[in-house]
Amino acid sequence: MTSFADGLVAANADAWAAATTHRFTRELADDTLAGDVWRNYLIQDYAFVETLTSLCGYAVARAPTMAEKTRFSGFLSVLTGAEDAFFKRAFAAADVPEDDWAGAADSDVTAAFKALFADAWAGSYSDILSVFLPVEWVYLTWATDQQGKKPRPAYEEWILLHNDPGFRDFVMFMKAGLDREGAALDGDARARSEALFRRACELEVMFFDHCYGA
């Protein structure tokens, strides 16, 4: 039987495929990604990750067990530690001045992501998982597909961060959580989870598109 989370991916197959095989992910791995596209991505993704960190904090608060709180706490440390350090190195390597990334204005897509996250953390634990899981699962999927590629160091590190065994385990932990929570949902709660997941997938595609000025 198809799990709840797998069913959400199947129901959003077009957006899922568009996000996980996007031109951005292929050009990144092939080392053909234009510098201006990479800089646009870094600036907006850093703003995105700041809000993702807040979402992770809400997940710690809403998680029903200490074991789950501990898993989210561990990922919170990754976001504020290794991932934040990556961005600082990547900005320097791409010659992005601090004035350009510190407090940069949100793009329309980044603002939409922030609104989606705010909507989710105002709801239930399943709501949080319904947006947290797809944004990380999309990255695990494309980075796994591109593993073994050897682009320039910053590009390669970004791929490796998202096909690392620890990251994979965290994504599968969230998937198991949404499968469990989703199985108990019905009516409006189920429809809300489906809508949140769908919107997250759509925004992932739009985010990559926007880096090209689309």
C-alpha atoms as a PDB file:
ATOM      1  CA  MET A   1       0.000   0.000   0.000  1.00  0.00           C
ATOM      2  CA  THR A   2       1.252   3.481  -0.882  1.00  0.00           C
ATOM      3  CA  SER A   3       2.250   5.504   2.154  1.00  0.00           C
ATOM      4  CA  PHE A   4       0.765   8.924   2.815  1.00  0.00           C
ATOM      5  CA  ALA A   5       3.943  10.814   1.862  1.00  0.00           C
ATOM      6  CA  ASP A   6       4.533   8.716  -1.261  1.00  0.00           C
ATOM      7  CA  GLY A   7       0.952   9.407  -2.254  1.00  0.00           C
ATOM      8  CA  LEU A   8       1.578  13.152  -1.948  1.00  0.00           C
ATOM      9  CA  VAL A   9       4.584  12.865  -4.261  1.00  0.00           C
ATOM     10  CA  ALA A  10       2.513  10.889  -6.771  1.00  0.00           C
ATOM     11  CA  ALA A  11      -0.294  13.441  -6.600  1.00  0.00           C
ATOM     12  CA  ASN A  12       2.200  16.201  -7.402  1.00  0.00           C
ATOM     13  CA  ALA A  13       4.257  14.265  -9.939  1.00  0.00           C
ATOM     14  CA  ASP A  14       4.652  17.147 -12.402  1.00  0.00           C
ATOM     15  CA  ALA A  15       5.911  19.666  -9.842  1.00  0.00           C
ATOM     16  CA  TRP A  16       8.047  17.017  -8.152  1.00  0.00           C
ATOM     17  CA  ALA A  17       9.757  16.077 -11.405  1.00  0.00           C
ATOM     18  CA  ALA A  18      10.207  19.723 -12.366  1.00  0.00           C
ATOM     19  CA  ALA A  19      11.914  20.452  -9.032  1.00  0.00           C
ATOM     20  CA  THR A  20      14.091  17.352  -8.779  1.00  0.00           C
ATOM     21  CA  THR A  21      15.347  17.476 -12.387  1.00  0.00           C
ATOM     22  CA  HIS A  22      15.433  21.235 -12.759  1.00  0.00           C
ATOM     23  CA  ARG A  23      17.945  22.865 -15.063  1.00  0.00           C
ATOM     24  CA  PHE A  24      19.553  24.444 -11.991  1.00  0.00           C
ATOM     25  CA  THR A  25      20.363  21.064 -10.417  1.00  0.00           C
ATOM     26  CA  ARG A  26      21.807  19.673 -13.662  1.00  0.00           C
ATOM     27  CA  GLU A  27      23.924  22.741 -14.410  1.00  0.00           C
ATOM     28  CA  LEU A  28      25.185  22.829 -10.828  1.00  0.00           C
ATOM     29  CA  ALA A  29      26.372  19.223 -11.045  1.00  0.00           C
ATOM     30  CA  ASP A  30      27.822  19.646 -14.538  1.00  0.00           C
ATOM     31  CA  ASP A  31      29.678  22.821 -13.496  1.00  0.00           C
ATOM     32  CA  THR A  32      27.933  24.840 -16.197  1.00  0.00           C
ATOM     33  CA  LEU A  33      25.840  26.977 -13.854  1.00  0.00           C
ATOM     34  CA  ALA A  34      26.362  30.673 -14.590  1.00  0.00           C
ATOM     35  CA  GLY A  35      27.953  32.722 -11.837  1.00  0.00           C
ATOM     36  CA  ASP A  36      25.124  35.250 -11.663  1.00  0.00           C
ATOM     37  CA  VAL A  37      22.556  32.454 -11.289  1.00  0.00           C
ATOM     38  CA  TRP A  38      24.594  30.932  -8.454  1.00  0.00           C
ATOM     39  CA  ARG A  39      24.903  34.291  -6.718  1.00  0.00           C
ATOM     40  CA  ASN A  40      21.153  34.919  -7.026  1.00  0.00           C
ATOM     41  CA  TYR A  41      20.522  31.483  -5.598  1.00  0.00           C
ATOM     42  CA  LEU A  42      22.896  31.910  -2.670  1.00  0.00           C
ATOM     43  CA  ILE A  43      21.450  35.257  -1.621  1.00  0.00           C
ATOM     44  CA  GLN A  44      17.835  34.105  -1.702  1.00  0.00           C
ATOM     45  CA  ASP A  45      18.509  30.643  -0.311  1.00  0.00           C
ATOM     46  CA  TYR A  46      20.317  32.148   2.651  1.00  0.00           C
ATOM     47  CA  ALA A  47      17.195  34.192   3.402  1.00  0.00           C
ATOM     48  CA  PHE A  48      15.116  31.035   2.938  1.00  0.00           C
ATOM     49  CA  VAL A  49      17.312  29.010   5.309  1.00  0.00           C
ATOM     50  CA  GLU A  50      16.944  31.657   8.001  1.00  0.00           C
ATOM     51  CA  THR A  51      13.192  31.038   8.025  1.00  0.00           C
ATOM     52  CA  LEU A  52      13.662  27.278   7.647  1.00  0.00           C
ATOM     53  CA  THR A  53      15.680  27.448  10.859  1.00  0.00           C
ATOM     54  CA  SER A  54      12.691  29.025  12.599  1.00  0.00           C
ATOM     55  CA  LEU A  55      10.430  26.284  11.182  1.00  0.00           C
ATOM     56  CA  CYS A  56      12.818  23.702  12.628  1.00  0.00           C
ATOM     57  CA  GLY A  57      12.530  25.398  15.999  1.00  0.00           C
ATOM     58  CA  TYR A  58       8.755  25.119  15.841  1.00  0.00           C
ATOM     59  CA  ALA A  59       9.137  21.445  14.919  1.00  0.00           C
ATOM     60  CA  VAL A  60      11.156  20.935  18.097  1.00  0.00           C
ATOM     61  CA  ALA A  61       8.331  22.513  20.063  1.00  0.00           C
ATOM     62  CA  ARG A  62       5.505  20.619  18.334  1.00  0.00           C
ATOM     63  CA  ALA A  63       7.103  17.178  18.035  1.00  0.00           C
ATOM     64  CA  PRO A  64       5.158  14.724  20.216  1.00  0.00           C
ATOM     65  CA  THR A  65       8.082  12.739  21.660  1.00  0.00           C
ATOM     66  CA  MET A  66      11.490  13.502  23.097  1.00  0.00           C
ATOM     67  CA  ALA A  67      13.102  11.314  20.436  1.00  0.00           C
ATOM     68  CA  GLU A  68      11.550  13.422  17.673  1.00  0.00           C
ATOM     69  CA  LYS A  69      12.438  16.672  19.413  1.00  0.00           C
ATOM     70  CA  THR A  70      16.028  15.447  19.601  1.00  0.00           C
ATOM     71  CA  ARG A  71      16.137  14.720  15.860  1.00  0.00           C
ATOM     72  CA  PHE A  72      14.905  18.188  14.995  1.00  0.00           C
ATOM     73  CA  SER A  73      17.294  19.727  17.514  1.00  0.00           C
ATOM     74  CA  GLY A  74      20.144  17.959  15.780  1.00  0.00           C
ATOM     75  CA  PHE A  75      19.105  19.334  12.398  1.00  0.00           C
ATOM     76  CA  LEU A  76      18.758  22.774  13.912  1.00  0.00           C
ATOM     77  CA  SER A  77      22.429  22.522  14.846  1.00  0.00           C
ATOM     78  CA  VAL A  78      23.270  21.643  11.239  1.00  0.00           C
ATOM     79  CA  LEU A  79      21.377  24.659   9.905  1.00  0.00           C
ATOM     80  CA  THR A  80      23.028  27.070  12.320  1.00  0.00           C
ATOM     81  CA  GLY A  81      26.431  25.404  12.084  1.00  0.00           C
ATOM     82  CA  ALA A  82      27.683  23.541   9.007  1.00  0.00           C
ATOM     83  CA  GLU A  83      25.122  24.978   6.610  1.00  0.00           C
ATOM     84  CA  ASP A  84      25.560  28.548   7.766  1.00  0.00           C
ATOM     85  CA  ALA A  85      29.338  28.129   7.453  1.00  0.00           C
ATOM     86  CA  PHE A  86      28.884  26.823   3.912  1.00  0.00           C
ATOM     87  CA  PHE A  87      27.007  29.946   2.883  1.00  0.00           C
ATOM     88  CA  LYS A  88      29.684  32.214   4.313  1.00  0.00           C
ATOM     89  CA  ARG A  89      32.397  30.357   2.384  1.00  0.00           C
ATOM     90  CA  ALA A  90      30.304  30.266  -0.783  1.00  0.00           C
ATOM     91  CA  PHE A  91      29.599  34.004  -0.641  1.00  0.00           C
ATOM     92  CA  ALA A  92      33.319  34.688  -0.302  1.00  0.00           C
ATOM     93  CA  ALA A  93      34.239  32.325  -3.142  1.00  0.00           C
ATOM     94  CA  ALA A  94      31.595  33.892  -5.413  1.00  0.00           C
ATOM     95  CA  ASP A  95      32.687  37.440  -4.522  1.00  0.00           C
ATOM     96  CA  VAL A  96      29.330  38.350  -3.021  1.00  0.00           C
ATOM     97  CA  PRO A  97      29.885  41.306  -0.631  1.00  0.00           C
ATOM     98  CA  GLU A  98      28.272  41.052   2.779  1.00  0.00           C
ATOM     99  CA  ASP A  99      26.179  44.120   1.982  1.00  0.00           C
ATOM    100  CA  ASP A 100      24.555  42.119  -0.824  1.00  0.00           C
ATOM    101  CA  TRP A 101      23.524  39.111   1.275  1.00  0.00           C
ATOM    102  CA  ALA A 102      23.093  40.428   4.808  1.00  0.00           C
ATOM    103  CA  GLY A 103      19.507  41.580   5.063  1.00  0.00           C
ATOM    104  CA  ALA A 104      18.899  41.279   1.303  1.00  0.00           C
ATOM    105  CA  ALA A 105      15.339  41.960   0.175  1.00  0.00           C
ATOM    106  CA  ASP A 106      13.267  38.819  -0.290  1.00  0.00           C
ATOM    107  CA  SER A 107      12.282  37.843  -3.803  1.00  0.00           C
ATOM    108  CA  ASP A 108       8.581  37.189  -4.367  1.00  0.00           C
ATOM    109  CA  VAL A 109       9.251  33.457  -4.193  1.00  0.00           C
ATOM    110  CA  THR A 110      11.243  33.687  -0.964  1.00  0.00           C
ATOM    111  CA  ALA A 111       8.462  35.793   0.553  1.00  0.00           C
ATOM    112  CA  ALA A 112       5.927  33.164  -0.541  1.00  0.00           C
ATOM    113  CA  PHE A 113       7.996  30.428   1.101  1.00  0.00           C
ATOM    114  CA  LYS A 114       8.156  32.431   4.320  1.00  0.00           C
ATOM    115  CA  ALA A 115       4.380  32.881   4.258  1.00  0.00           C
ATOM    116  CA  LEU A 116       3.923  29.133   3.722  1.00  0.00           C
ATOM    117  CA  PHE A 117       6.191  28.316   6.650  1.00  0.00           C
ATOM    118  CA  ALA A 118       4.391  30.799   8.891  1.00  0.00           C
ATOM    119  CA  ASP A 119       1.086  29.173   7.945  1.00  0.00           C
ATOM    120  CA  ALA A 120       2.481  25.736   8.783  1.00  0.00           C
ATOM    121  CA  TRP A 121       3.972  26.606  12.161  1.00  0.00           C
ATOM    122  CA  ALA A 122       0.691  28.216  13.176  1.00  0.00           C
ATOM    123  CA  GLY A 123      -0.928  24.802  12.689  1.00  0.00           C
ATOM    124  CA  SER A 124      -0.248  21.246  13.789  1.00  0.00           C
ATOM    125  CA  TYR A 125       2.811  19.006  13.827  1.00  0.00           C
ATOM    126  CA  SER A 126       1.556  17.347  10.636  1.00  0.00           C
ATOM    127  CA  ASP A 127       1.298  20.787   9.018  1.00  0.00           C
ATOM    128  CA  ILE A 128       4.953  21.455   9.800  1.00  0.00           C
ATOM    129  CA  LEU A 129       5.995  18.089   8.373  1.00  0.00           C
ATOM    130  CA  SER A 130       3.879  18.734   5.277  1.00  0.00           C
ATOM    131  CA  VAL A 131       6.122  21.650   4.272  1.00  0.00           C
ATOM    132  CA  PHE A 132       9.397  20.664   5.944  1.00  0.00           C
ATOM    133  CA  LEU A 133       9.565  17.214   4.343  1.00  0.00           C
ATOM    134  CA  PRO A 134       9.088  18.212   0.679  1.00  0.00           C
ATOM    135  CA  VAL A 135      11.645  21.032   0.683  1.00  0.00           C
ATOM    136  CA  GLU A 136      14.299  18.685   2.083  1.00  0.00           C
ATOM    137  CA  TRP A 137      13.187  15.583   0.175  1.00  0.00           C
ATOM    138  CA  VAL A 138      13.427  17.448  -3.131  1.00  0.00           C
ATOM    139  CA  TYR A 139      17.054  18.272  -2.329  1.00  0.00           C
ATOM    140  CA  LEU A 140      17.870  14.727  -1.248  1.00  0.00           C
ATOM    141  CA  THR A 141      16.388  13.433  -4.506  1.00  0.00           C
ATOM    142  CA  TRP A 142      18.239  15.677  -6.926  1.00  0.00           C
ATOM    143  CA  ALA A 143      21.510  15.548  -4.984  1.00  0.00           C
ATOM    144  CA  THR A 144      21.365  11.746  -4.908  1.00  0.00           C
ATOM    145  CA  ASP A 145      20.746  11.708  -8.665  1.00  0.00           C
ATOM    146  CA  GLN A 146      23.816  13.928  -9.150  1.00  0.00           C
ATOM    147  CA  GLN A 147      26.155  12.163  -6.736  1.00  0.00           C
ATOM    148  CA  GLY A 148      29.578  11.362  -8.081  1.00  0.00           C
ATOM    149  CA  LYS A 149      29.777  14.583 -10.096  1.00  0.00           C
ATOM    150  CA  LYS A 150      32.867  16.722  -9.499  1.00  0.00           C
ATOM    151  CA  PRO A 151      32.024  20.371 -10.196  1.00  0.00           C
ATOM    152  CA  ARG A 152      33.870  23.300  -8.592  1.00  0.00           C
ATOM    153  CA  PRO A 153      34.276  23.009  -4.798  1.00  0.00           C
ATOM    154  CA  ALA A 154      31.303  25.157  -3.732  1.00  0.00           C
ATOM    155  CA  TYR A 155      28.934  23.355  -6.094  1.00  0.00           C
ATOM    156  CA  GLU A 156      30.256  19.945  -5.069  1.00  0.00           C
ATOM    157  CA  GLU A 157      29.947  20.742  -1.372  1.00  0.00           C
ATOM    158  CA  TRP A 158      26.309  21.768  -1.823  1.00  0.00           C
ATOM    159  CA  ILE A 159      25.590  18.434  -3.522  1.00  0.00           C
ATOM    160  CA  LEU A 160      27.437  16.469  -0.857  1.00  0.00           C
ATOM    161  CA  LEU A 161      25.583  18.230   1.956  1.00  0.00           C
ATOM    162  CA  HIS A 162      22.329  16.961   0.473  1.00  0.00           C
ATOM    163  CA  ASN A 163      23.229  13.348  -0.235  1.00  0.00           C
ATOM    164  CA  ASP A 164      25.098  12.807   3.015  1.00  0.00           C
ATOM    165  CA  PRO A 165      23.886   9.708   4.950  1.00  0.00           C
ATOM    166  CA  GLY A 166      22.970  11.838   7.957  1.00  0.00           C
ATOM    167  CA  PHE A 167      20.824  14.112   5.816  1.00  0.00           C
ATOM    168  CA  ARG A 168      19.177  11.117   4.163  1.00  0.00           C
ATOM    169  CA  ASP A 169      18.364   9.645   7.588  1.00  0.00           C
ATOM    170  CA  PHE A 170      16.822  12.928   8.697  1.00  0.00           C
ATOM    171  CA  VAL A 171      14.626  13.182   5.598  1.00  0.00           C
ATOM    172  CA  MET A 172      13.477   9.578   6.019  1.00  0.00           C
ATOM    173  CA  PHE A 173      12.762  10.291   9.680  1.00  0.00           C
ATOM    174  CA  MET A 174      10.446  13.133   8.610  1.00  0.00           C
ATOM    175  CA  LYS A 175       8.852  10.928   5.957  1.00  0.00           C
ATOM    176  CA  ALA A 176       8.089   8.260   8.557  1.00  0.00           C
ATOM    177  CA  GLY A 177       6.590  10.962  10.762  1.00  0.00           C
ATOM    178  CA  LEU A 178       4.356  12.340   8.025  1.00  0.00           C
ATOM    179  CA  ASP A 179       3.308   8.812   7.023  1.00  0.00           C
ATOM    180  CA  ARG A 180       2.247   8.166  10.616  1.00  0.00           C
ATOM    181  CA  GLU A 181       0.575  11.534  11.158  1.00  0.00           C
ATOM    182  CA  GLY A 182      -1.070  11.517   7.738  1.00  0.00           C
ATOM    183  CA  ALA A 183      -2.651   8.116   8.250  1.00  0.00           C
ATOM    184  CA  ALA A 184      -4.632   9.597  11.141  1.00  0.00           C
ATOM    185  CA  LEU A 185      -5.827  12.681   9.250  1.00  0.00           C
ATOM    186  CA  ASP A 186      -9.223  13.040   7.680  1.00  0.00           C
ATOM    187  CA  GLY A 187     -11.455  15.743   6.251  1.00  0.00           C
ATOM    188  CA  ASP A 188     -10.129  19.281   6.453  1.00  0.00           C
ATOM    189  CA  ALA A 189      -6.882  18.280   8.192  1.00  0.00           C
ATOM    190  CA  ARG A 190      -5.976  15.874   5.395  1.00  0.00           C
ATOM    191  CA  ALA A 191      -6.856  18.421   2.717  1.00  0.00           C
ATOM    192  CA  ARG A 192      -4.730  21.025   4.479  1.00  0.00           C
ATOM    193  CA  SER A 193      -1.716  18.695   4.608  1.00  0.00           C
ATOM    194  CA  GLU A 194      -2.123  17.926   0.908  1.00  0.00           C
ATOM    195  CA  ALA A 195      -2.369  21.630   0.046  1.00  0.00           C
ATOM    196  CA  LEU A 196       0.721  22.533   2.092  1.00  0.00           C
ATOM    197  CA  PHE A 197       2.791  19.780   0.486  1.00  0.00           C
ATOM    198  CA  ARG A 198       1.619  20.787  -2.997  1.00  0.00           C
ATOM    199  CA  ARG A 199       2.450  24.440  -2.429  1.00  0.00           C
ATOM    200  CA  ALA A 200       5.935  23.565  -1.171  1.00  0.00           C
ATOM    201  CA  CYS A 201       6.624  21.552  -4.331  1.00  0.00           C
ATOM    202  CA  GLU A 202       5.370  24.356  -6.558  1.00  0.00           C
ATOM    203  CA  LEU A 203       7.516  26.928  -4.777  1.00  0.00           C
ATOM    204  CA  GLU A 204      10.628  24.777  -5.138  1.00  0.00           C
ATOM    205  CA  VAL A 205      10.223  24.936  -8.922  1.00  0.00           C
ATOM    206  CA  MET A 206       9.541  28.666  -8.814  1.00  0.00           C
ATOM    207  CA  PHE A 207      12.570  29.243  -6.597  1.00  0.00           C
ATOM    208  CA  PHE A 208      14.925  27.606  -9.068  1.00  0.00           C
ATOM    209  CA  ASP A 209      13.252  29.426 -11.966  1.00  0.00           C
ATOM    210  CA  HIS A 210      13.640  32.763 -10.221  1.00  0.00           C
ATOM    211  CA  CYS A 211      17.410  32.368  -9.990  1.00  0.00           C
ATOM    212  CA  TYR A 212      17.505  32.710 -13.772  1.00  0.00           C
ATOM    213  CA  GLY A 213      15.401  35.858 -13.651  1.00  0.00           C
ATOM    214  CA  ALA A 214      12.258  33.982 -14.722  1.00  0.00           C
END
